[in-house]
Amino acid sequence: MKRLFSLIFMLASILALVLAGCTGPVSSSGPASESASENTQESSGETSRTPQPASGANDLMADVSSAAWPVEPEPLPEGWSGGASRFSALLFQKSAENPGNFMVSPASVYLALAMTLNGADTTTRDAMLAALAAQGLSVADVNRAARSWITGLNRASGQTTVSITNSIWFDQDFVPFQPFLQANADYFNAAAQKLDFKDSKTLDVINGWVSEATNGRIEQIIDQIRPDSVMFLINAIYFLADWDIPFEKADTRPQPFRAPEGDVEVDFMHRTGGMNFYQLDDATGIGLPYADDRFAFFAVLPDEGTDAREWLGAQDPALFFNEVAAGLRQDPLEVDLALPKFESRYEDSLLNELSHLGLNIAFQPDQADFSQMIDSHEKILYIGEVKHKSFVRVDEKGTEAAAATSVEMRVTSLPFSEHQIVFDRPFVYGILDLETGLPLFAGILEKPEPVS
């Protein structure tokens, strides 16, 4: 059967089928707002906008009538948040083993894998469920939770934009299983488009969709389409929010940051006032709310002499983000804060990290079972790559962040304050959804890079 599938692919290269143009699948979010932060306007000159829907015969969702999308989030399945929080912390910890600055979006990775889960079966489905959810939850529970979470996150206002977009891309010779498409339409508002994976323009079409979905911050998520690639499931997240209380630019001044290889001088923002100030084991944290009070920035500074990566690795993944969320809910204290102004980009293959989270079977050509993705129900698919890219910028006005995750399916073949904190050495940081206690972004700043 593998030889037959390969023969079909070779014959397909002789047939010149026309692409459906350069527009990609419809995204899962509504129209985004005007840019909330001046740094985005200065750097890109464009505001966040939703990718336009596909049309024509290549739109695989044209005949799929998705369920009505709820206006308000539905109740989350019991235990789901705990499982998702544990997955997020484990992914964060494993990613921290890479050197240098890094930031991942556990939310983006989770949603991309949750879409993929709908095509898994038998032991592969069980392994993915064990990694993504609490014991006893089903694929249907994960789907309902994902839809509720996306519904609650997606928003566009004058000072906050959060856009969650999902897309699926098939090779023109691949015949998908319709219930797989239906589930991703119903619960992820994803659309799917059929393209010729041998056409050099296809790479630009997919990456163009990602760039538009992240307001140009992630310009490319796929650098090649292999001969054995048959599908890409992609999630993109874009976040733009103003601080509830902005930093004054007049209070920004250079000072040294103690990077591992030596001191570097960077711009530090300063503010004194009420903010969350809390203690974790061998560390101190702060929280800064955004204008939309569902979201907050957190930063955790390990005690003097404690390595940030070692500290993070020692935390209990079942409790870490819960403890941070608890700190962000404490009553504000008067704090004298100095925080570096920074911009960071990161990219990585997540196969190693996700293997350690129990997903190794999904990456094995001779073991993976994604028979619910393909109409013939053959066990000829496996996850060949999980590519992740992220961007973050923190300045006086607010925060801009973006991430994209691609799951590639292959065919087998100042004033005095009582409290003071200066983030002048490597620290942990992120953006937390306060309602669920789950992270949208999380990273370590080891050496601030200059902000353009």
Protein backbone atom coordinates (compact mmCIF):
# COMPACT_ATOMS: atom_id res chain seq x y z
CA MET A 1 0.00 0.00 0.00
CA LYS A 2 2.90 2.37 0.70
CA ARG A 3 4.25 1.69 -2.82
CA LEU A 4 0.81 2.34 -4.28
CA PHE A 5 0.56 5.63 -2.36
CA SER A 6 4.03 6.64 -3.63
CA LEU A 7 3.04 5.72 -7.20
CA ILE A 8 -0.02 7.95 -6.90
CA PHE A 9 2.21 10.80 -5.78
CA MET A 10 4.56 10.32 -8.79
CA LEU A 11 1.68 10.21 -11.24
CA ALA A 12 0.26 13.33 -9.64
CA SER A 13 3.39 15.29 -10.52
CA ILE A 14 2.54 14.79 -14.20
CA LEU A 15 -0.92 16.24 -13.75
CA ALA A 16 -0.74 20.04 -13.67
CA LEU A 17 -3.55 21.06 -11.40
CA VAL A 18 -4.03 24.74 -10.79
CA LEU A 19 -3.74 26.18 -7.29
CA ALA A 20 -6.72 27.99 -5.86
CA GLY A 21 -4.80 31.27 -5.77
CA CYS A 22 -2.81 32.71 -2.93
CA THR A 23 -5.48 32.93 -0.26
CA GLY A 24 -5.55 30.35 2.51
CA PRO A 25 -8.14 28.84 4.76
CA VAL A 26 -10.47 31.01 6.77
CA SER A 27 -9.14 31.70 10.23
CA SER A 28 -10.86 30.95 13.49
CA SER A 29 -11.04 34.48 14.81
CA GLY A 30 -13.13 37.48 13.97
CA PRO A 31 -11.73 40.74 12.62
CA ALA A 32 -8.94 42.10 14.76
CA SER A 33 -8.89 45.58 16.18
CA GLU A 34 -6.77 48.54 15.33
CA SER A 35 -3.24 48.16 16.62
CA ALA A 36 -3.21 48.82 20.35
CA SER A 37 0.46 49.58 20.72
CA GLU A 38 2.47 52.22 18.95
CA ASN A 39 5.42 49.88 18.66
CA THR A 40 3.47 47.75 16.17
CA GLN A 41 2.48 50.74 14.11
CA GLU A 42 6.07 51.97 14.02
CA SER A 43 7.59 48.63 13.11
CA SER A 44 5.10 47.18 10.66
CA GLY A 45 2.79 49.98 9.61
CA GLU A 46 -0.09 47.49 9.59
CA THR A 47 -2.72 46.35 12.01
CA SER A 48 -3.65 42.78 12.84
CA ARG A 49 -6.15 41.37 10.42
CA THR A 50 -7.77 38.03 9.77
CA PRO A 51 -6.59 35.99 6.74
CA GLN A 52 -9.21 35.87 4.02
CA PRO A 53 -11.17 32.68 3.36
CA ALA A 54 -10.34 30.33 0.53
CA SER A 55 -12.72 29.74 -2.32
CA GLY A 56 -13.11 27.30 -5.18
CA ALA A 57 -12.71 23.56 -5.52
CA ASN A 58 -9.62 23.39 -3.32
CA ASP A 59 -11.49 24.53 -0.20
CA LEU A 60 -12.04 21.21 1.56
CA MET A 61 -14.44 22.79 4.03
CA ALA A 62 -16.80 23.99 1.29
CA ASP A 63 -19.08 21.00 1.86
CA VAL A 64 -18.64 20.90 5.65
CA SER A 65 -21.34 22.67 7.66
CA SER A 66 -19.76 23.40 11.02
CA ALA A 67 -21.69 23.66 14.25
CA ALA A 68 -22.67 27.15 15.38
CA TRP A 69 -19.79 28.75 17.25
CA PRO A 70 -20.83 29.74 20.80
CA VAL A 71 -20.97 33.42 21.61
CA GLU A 72 -19.78 32.84 25.18
CA PRO A 73 -17.35 30.20 26.48
CA GLU A 74 -18.95 26.96 27.61
CA PRO A 75 -18.05 25.33 30.95
CA LEU A 76 -14.70 23.57 30.80
CA PRO A 77 -14.68 19.79 31.40
CA GLU A 78 -13.73 18.99 34.98
CA GLY A 79 -10.00 18.42 35.30
CA TRP A 80 -9.11 19.78 31.87
CA SER A 81 -7.37 22.94 33.11
CA GLY A 82 -5.12 20.90 35.39
CA GLY A 83 -4.04 18.62 32.57
CA ALA A 84 -3.46 21.50 30.18
CA SER A 85 -1.50 23.39 32.84
CA ARG A 86 0.73 20.36 33.47
CA PHE A 87 1.36 19.97 29.71
CA SER A 88 2.25 23.67 29.49
CA ALA A 89 4.70 23.52 32.39
CA LEU A 90 6.39 20.34 31.13
CA LEU A 91 6.79 21.83 27.66
CA PHE A 92 8.16 25.03 29.23
CA GLN A 93 10.66 23.07 31.34
CA LYS A 94 11.88 20.88 28.47
CA SER A 95 12.22 23.90 26.17
CA ALA A 96 14.30 25.65 28.83
CA GLU A 97 17.01 23.03 28.33
CA ASN A 98 17.90 24.82 25.08
CA PRO A 99 20.56 27.53 25.54
CA GLY A 100 20.01 31.28 25.29
CA ASN A 101 16.81 33.30 25.15
CA PHE A 102 13.68 31.32 24.43
CA MET A 103 9.93 31.72 24.53
CA VAL A 104 7.29 29.16 23.63
CA SER A 105 3.53 29.44 23.36
CA PRO A 106 2.14 26.40 25.19
CA ALA A 107 -1.31 27.51 24.02
CA SER A 108 -0.31 27.37 20.34
CA VAL A 109 1.38 23.98 20.66
CA TYR A 110 -1.55 22.59 22.64
CA LEU A 111 -4.16 23.69 20.11
CA ALA A 112 -2.15 22.40 17.12
CA LEU A 113 -1.79 19.00 18.79
CA ALA A 114 -5.45 19.00 19.85
CA MET A 115 -6.46 19.42 16.21
CA THR A 116 -4.14 16.53 15.31
CA LEU A 117 -5.66 14.39 18.07
CA ASN A 118 -8.88 14.16 16.07
CA GLY A 119 -7.07 12.00 13.52
CA ALA A 120 -5.40 9.68 16.02
CA ASP A 121 -6.59 6.24 17.04
CA THR A 122 -5.73 3.34 19.37
CA THR A 123 -2.45 3.68 21.30
CA THR A 124 -1.48 6.92 19.54
CA ARG A 125 -4.75 8.54 20.60
CA ASP A 126 -4.26 7.28 24.17
CA ALA A 127 -0.70 8.67 24.35
CA MET A 128 -1.79 12.06 23.05
CA LEU A 129 -4.71 12.19 25.48
CA ALA A 130 -2.41 11.33 28.38
CA ALA A 131 -0.13 14.23 27.44
CA LEU A 132 -2.84 16.81 26.73
CA ALA A 133 -5.54 16.07 29.30
CA ALA A 134 -6.25 14.76 32.76
CA GLN A 135 -6.93 11.08 33.20
CA GLY A 136 -10.43 10.06 32.18
CA LEU A 137 -11.02 12.83 29.65
CA SER A 138 -11.91 11.94 26.07
CA VAL A 139 -11.15 13.44 22.66
CA ALA A 140 -14.60 15.02 22.79
CA ASP A 141 -13.72 16.64 26.14
CA VAL A 142 -10.50 18.10 24.70
CA ASN A 143 -12.44 19.41 21.69
CA ARG A 144 -15.07 21.10 23.84
CA ALA A 145 -12.41 22.59 26.11
CA ALA A 146 -10.42 23.92 23.15
CA ARG A 147 -13.49 25.58 21.63
CA SER A 148 -14.39 27.16 24.95
CA TRP A 149 -10.84 28.41 25.49
CA ILE A 150 -10.60 29.86 21.97
CA THR A 151 -13.98 31.54 22.42
CA GLY A 152 -12.84 33.17 25.66
CA LEU A 153 -9.46 34.27 24.30
CA ASN A 154 -10.44 35.76 20.94
CA ARG A 155 -11.13 39.45 21.36
CA ALA A 156 -10.54 42.76 19.66
CA SER A 157 -10.81 46.09 21.44
CA GLY A 158 -9.10 49.44 21.42
CA GLN A 159 -6.30 48.30 23.71
CA THR A 160 -6.19 44.51 23.34
CA THR A 161 -6.13 42.11 20.42
CA VAL A 162 -5.97 38.35 20.83
CA SER A 163 -6.35 36.31 17.67
CA ILE A 164 -6.37 32.50 17.56
CA THR A 165 -6.36 31.08 14.03
CA ASN A 166 -6.26 27.47 12.82
CA SER A 167 -5.72 25.98 9.38
CA ILE A 168 -5.19 22.59 7.76
CA TRP A 169 -3.42 22.09 4.43
CA PHE A 170 -3.59 18.86 2.38
CA ASP A 171 -1.75 17.65 -0.65
CA GLN A 172 -4.11 17.41 -3.62
CA ASP A 173 -3.76 13.60 -3.82
CA PHE A 174 -4.59 13.01 -0.16
CA VAL A 175 -8.18 12.02 0.63
CA PRO A 176 -9.09 13.12 4.17
CA PHE A 177 -11.63 11.41 6.41
CA GLN A 178 -14.64 13.74 6.52
CA PRO A 179 -15.37 13.32 10.28
CA PHE A 180 -11.80 14.52 10.92
CA LEU A 181 -12.53 17.69 8.97
CA GLN A 182 -15.90 18.04 10.67
CA ALA A 183 -14.41 17.91 14.17
CA ASN A 184 -11.81 20.54 13.32
CA ALA A 185 -14.47 22.77 11.80
CA ASP A 186 -16.83 22.37 14.77
CA TYR A 187 -14.33 22.82 17.60
CA PHE A 188 -11.37 24.75 16.16
CA ASN A 189 -13.13 26.76 13.46
CA ALA A 190 -10.34 25.55 11.20
CA ALA A 191 -10.69 25.47 7.46
CA ALA A 192 -8.76 23.19 5.13
CA GLN A 193 -7.38 23.76 1.69
CA LYS A 194 -6.14 21.26 -0.90
CA LEU A 195 -2.93 22.32 -2.65
CA ASP A 196 -0.32 20.79 -4.94
CA PHE A 197 2.56 20.11 -2.57
CA LYS A 198 4.93 19.74 -5.54
CA ASP A 199 4.25 23.29 -6.71
CA SER A 200 6.90 25.72 -5.48
CA LYS A 201 4.21 28.34 -4.84
CA THR A 202 2.54 26.20 -2.16
CA LEU A 203 5.23 27.02 0.39
CA ASP A 204 4.58 30.73 -0.12
CA VAL A 205 0.80 30.25 0.18
CA ILE A 206 1.06 28.50 3.56
CA ASN A 207 3.71 30.84 4.96
CA GLY A 208 1.74 33.82 3.68
CA TRP A 209 -1.25 32.71 5.71
CA VAL A 210 0.92 32.38 8.82
CA SER A 211 2.44 35.82 8.30
CA GLU A 212 -0.98 37.41 7.92
CA ALA A 213 -2.35 35.54 10.96
CA THR A 214 0.52 36.87 13.14
CA ASN A 215 0.51 40.42 11.73
CA GLY A 216 3.85 39.77 10.02
CA ARG A 217 5.66 38.76 13.20
CA ILE A 218 6.08 35.11 12.12
CA GLU A 219 6.88 35.35 8.44
CA GLN A 220 7.61 31.68 7.83
CA ILE A 221 6.82 28.46 9.69
CA ILE A 222 7.63 25.92 6.96
CA ASP A 223 10.96 26.03 5.12
CA GLN A 224 10.39 23.04 2.84
CA ILE A 225 7.74 20.54 1.75
CA ARG A 226 9.20 17.07 1.62
CA PRO A 227 8.11 14.47 -0.93
CA ASP A 228 6.50 12.43 1.87
CA SER A 229 4.64 15.39 3.43
CA VAL A 230 0.87 15.17 2.98
CA MET A 231 -0.59 17.57 5.55
CA PHE A 232 0.20 20.56 7.78
CA LEU A 233 -1.98 21.48 10.77
CA ILE A 234 -1.16 25.02 11.86
CA ASN A 235 -2.13 27.18 14.81
CA ALA A 236 -1.23 30.85 15.03
CA ILE A 237 -1.63 33.19 18.01
CA TYR A 238 -1.27 36.96 17.96
CA PHE A 239 -1.37 39.05 21.16
CA LEU A 240 -1.22 42.83 21.44
CA ALA A 241 -2.13 44.64 24.65
CA ASP A 242 -1.45 47.90 26.48
CA TRP A 243 -0.44 47.91 30.12
CA ASP A 244 -3.18 48.92 32.50
CA ILE A 245 -0.69 51.52 33.76
CA PRO A 246 2.01 52.27 31.17
CA PHE A 247 5.64 52.97 31.97
CA GLU A 248 6.81 56.54 31.47
CA LYS A 249 9.39 56.77 28.68
CA ALA A 250 11.17 59.49 30.64
CA ASP A 251 11.91 56.89 33.33
CA THR A 252 13.58 54.49 30.89
CA ARG A 253 17.35 54.54 31.20
CA PRO A 254 20.29 52.22 30.48
CA GLN A 255 21.76 50.04 33.18
CA PRO A 256 23.66 46.75 33.26
CA PHE A 257 22.01 43.33 32.91
CA ARG A 258 24.09 40.46 34.28
CA ALA A 259 24.02 37.96 31.39
CA PRO A 260 25.85 34.63 31.82
CA GLU A 261 28.76 35.68 29.58
CA GLY A 262 29.11 39.14 31.12
CA ASP A 263 27.30 42.39 31.79
CA VAL A 264 25.44 44.10 28.94
CA GLU A 265 23.91 47.56 29.08
CA VAL A 266 20.25 47.72 28.08
CA ASP A 267 17.31 50.07 28.58
CA PHE A 268 15.36 49.45 31.78
CA MET A 269 11.83 50.69 32.31
CA HIS A 270 11.05 51.94 35.83
CA ARG A 271 7.79 52.28 37.69
CA THR A 272 6.82 52.61 41.32
CA GLY A 273 3.32 51.80 42.47
CA GLY A 274 0.88 49.09 43.36
CA MET A 275 1.39 45.73 41.65
CA ASN A 276 1.33 42.03 42.43
CA PHE A 277 4.41 41.04 44.44
CA TYR A 278 4.67 37.44 45.58
CA GLN A 279 7.08 34.80 46.78
CA LEU A 280 7.67 31.36 45.30
CA ASP A 281 10.21 28.82 46.51
CA ASP A 282 13.61 30.55 46.18
CA ALA A 283 12.19 33.23 43.89
CA THR A 284 10.24 36.49 43.81
CA GLY A 285 7.61 37.39 41.26
CA ILE A 286 5.67 40.40 40.02
CA GLY A 287 2.52 40.72 37.97
CA LEU A 288 1.51 43.56 35.66
CA PRO A 289 -2.08 43.64 34.41
CA TYR A 290 -3.02 44.70 30.91
CA ALA A 291 -5.89 47.04 30.11
CA ASP A 292 -7.99 43.95 29.44
CA ASP A 293 -7.87 42.49 32.94
CA ARG A 294 -8.23 38.90 31.73
CA PHE A 295 -4.51 38.90 30.92
CA ALA A 296 -1.42 39.73 32.93
CA PHE A 297 2.34 39.73 32.43
CA PHE A 298 4.37 37.81 35.00
CA ALA A 299 8.09 37.77 35.73
CA VAL A 300 9.81 35.56 38.30
CA LEU A 301 13.35 36.30 39.52
CA PRO A 302 15.17 33.38 41.19
CA ASP A 303 17.11 34.25 44.33
CA GLU A 304 20.66 35.56 44.02
CA GLY A 305 23.04 32.75 43.05
CA THR A 306 20.26 30.54 41.68
CA ASP A 307 20.36 29.68 37.98
CA ALA A 308 17.05 30.47 36.24
CA ARG A 309 17.04 27.23 34.21
CA GLU A 310 17.90 25.06 37.21
CA TRP A 311 15.22 26.80 39.24
CA LEU A 312 12.58 26.25 36.57
CA GLY A 313 13.56 22.60 36.16
CA ALA A 314 13.04 22.01 39.87
CA GLN A 315 9.44 23.24 39.87
CA ASP A 316 6.51 20.81 40.05
CA PRO A 317 4.83 20.95 36.62
CA ALA A 318 1.48 20.09 38.15
CA LEU A 319 1.63 23.21 40.34
CA PHE A 320 3.85 25.78 38.65
CA PHE A 321 1.37 27.86 36.66
CA ASN A 322 -1.25 27.49 39.40
CA GLU A 323 1.19 29.07 41.85
CA VAL A 324 1.99 31.90 39.43
CA ALA A 325 -1.72 32.49 38.86
CA ALA A 326 -2.28 32.59 42.62
CA GLY A 327 0.44 35.22 42.94
CA LEU A 328 -1.22 37.32 40.25
CA ARG A 329 -4.47 37.28 42.19
CA GLN A 330 -2.95 38.66 45.40
CA ASP A 331 -3.67 42.18 46.56
CA PRO A 332 -1.23 44.72 45.08
CA LEU A 333 1.71 45.99 47.11
CA GLU A 334 3.80 49.13 46.65
CA VAL A 335 6.76 48.05 44.49
CA ASP A 336 9.72 49.84 42.94
CA LEU A 337 10.17 47.92 39.67
CA ALA A 338 12.94 47.95 37.08
CA LEU A 339 12.23 45.76 34.05
CA PRO A 340 14.32 45.53 30.87
CA LYS A 341 12.74 46.66 27.64
CA PHE A 342 13.32 43.81 25.23
CA GLU A 343 12.47 42.03 22.01
CA SER A 344 13.10 38.34 21.35
CA ARG A 345 12.56 35.75 18.62
CA TYR A 346 12.79 31.99 18.96
CA GLU A 347 12.30 28.90 16.83
CA ASP A 348 12.70 25.21 17.49
CA SER A 349 11.66 21.73 16.49
CA LEU A 350 9.63 20.34 19.37
CA LEU A 351 10.01 16.64 18.57
CA ASN A 352 12.51 16.07 21.38
CA GLU A 353 10.52 18.04 23.96
CA LEU A 354 7.22 16.36 23.06
CA SER A 355 8.82 12.90 23.06
CA HIS A 356 9.73 13.49 26.70
CA LEU A 357 6.08 14.39 27.33
CA GLY A 358 4.97 10.95 26.16
CA LEU A 359 4.19 11.62 22.49
CA ASN A 360 7.03 9.58 21.02
CA ILE A 361 4.70 6.98 19.48
CA ALA A 362 3.13 9.66 17.27
CA PHE A 363 6.54 10.32 15.68
CA GLN A 364 7.30 6.67 14.83
CA PRO A 365 6.42 5.64 11.25
CA ASP A 366 6.00 1.99 12.25
CA GLN A 367 3.87 2.67 15.35
CA ALA A 368 1.80 5.81 14.84
CA ASP A 369 -1.91 5.40 14.18
CA PHE A 370 -3.53 8.40 12.49
CA SER A 371 -6.00 6.27 10.58
CA GLN A 372 -8.84 8.66 11.46
CA MET A 373 -7.28 11.35 9.25
CA ILE A 374 -7.39 9.42 6.02
CA ASP A 375 -10.49 8.20 4.22
CA SER A 376 -9.02 4.72 3.65
CA HIS A 377 -8.19 4.38 7.40
CA GLU A 378 -4.74 3.04 6.60
CA LYS A 379 -2.00 3.38 9.22
CA ILE A 380 0.41 5.16 6.89
CA LEU A 381 0.66 8.57 8.59
CA TYR A 382 2.90 9.87 11.38
CA ILE A 383 4.00 13.24 12.73
CA GLY A 384 7.26 14.06 11.00
CA GLU A 385 7.85 17.48 12.51
CA VAL A 386 6.42 19.94 15.01
CA LYS A 387 7.87 23.36 14.23
CA HIS A 388 7.40 26.28 16.60
CA LYS A 389 8.28 29.96 16.24
CA SER A 390 7.63 32.88 18.58
CA PHE A 391 8.12 36.63 18.87
CA VAL A 392 7.78 38.97 21.86
CA ARG A 393 8.31 42.69 22.41
CA VAL A 394 7.93 44.37 25.81
CA ASP A 395 8.09 48.17 25.98
CA GLU A 396 6.67 51.13 27.89
CA LYS A 397 3.24 50.92 26.27
CA GLY A 398 2.53 47.20 26.42
CA THR A 399 3.35 43.82 24.96
CA GLU A 400 3.19 42.32 21.50
CA ALA A 401 3.65 38.58 21.08
CA ALA A 402 3.03 36.02 18.39
CA ALA A 403 3.56 32.32 17.87
CA ALA A 404 2.89 29.69 15.26
CA THR A 405 3.00 25.91 15.51
CA SER A 406 3.00 23.55 12.53
CA VAL A 407 2.33 19.83 12.87
CA GLU A 408 3.61 18.13 9.72
CA MET A 409 2.02 14.81 8.81
CA ARG A 410 4.13 12.53 6.68
CA VAL A 411 3.31 9.33 4.91
CA THR A 412 5.50 6.40 6.02
CA SER A 413 7.88 5.99 3.26
CA LEU A 414 12.33 55.61 42.19
CA PRO A 415 10.21 56.76 45.47
CA PHE A 416 10.92 54.60 48.50
CA SER A 417 9.03 51.38 48.60
CA GLU A 418 8.99 48.61 51.13
CA HIS A 419 9.60 46.11 48.34
CA GLN A 420 12.08 46.41 45.49
CA ILE A 421 12.96 44.12 42.63
CA VAL A 422 15.38 44.66 39.72
CA PHE A 423 15.31 42.10 36.93
CA ASP A 424 19.00 42.51 36.12
CA ARG A 425 19.85 38.83 35.66
CA PRO A 426 18.21 35.91 33.83
CA PHE A 427 14.56 35.55 34.74
CA VAL A 428 11.41 33.65 33.86
CA TYR A 429 8.50 35.52 32.27
CA GLY A 430 5.27 35.00 30.38
CA ILE A 431 1.67 35.98 29.73
CA LEU A 432 -1.07 34.22 31.68
CA ASP A 433 -4.77 33.84 31.01
CA LEU A 434 -6.05 34.64 34.49
CA GLU A 435 -9.45 33.05 33.96
CA THR A 436 -8.07 29.56 33.26
CA GLY A 437 -4.66 30.00 34.87
CA LEU A 438 -3.04 28.77 31.64
CA PRO A 439 -0.09 30.42 29.90
CA LEU A 440 -0.30 31.93 26.45
CA PHE A 441 3.44 32.51 26.39
CA ALA A 442 6.33 31.60 28.72
CA GLY A 443 10.07 32.12 28.45
CA ILE A 444 13.43 32.90 30.01
CA LEU A 445 15.30 36.11 29.28
CA GLU A 446 18.96 35.30 29.57
CA LYS A 447 20.38 38.27 27.65
CA PRO A 448 18.19 41.15 26.48
CA GLU A 449 18.61 42.10 22.83
CA PRO A 450 18.22 45.76 21.83
CA VAL A 451 14.69 46.80 20.89
CA SER A 452 14.48 48.14 17.35
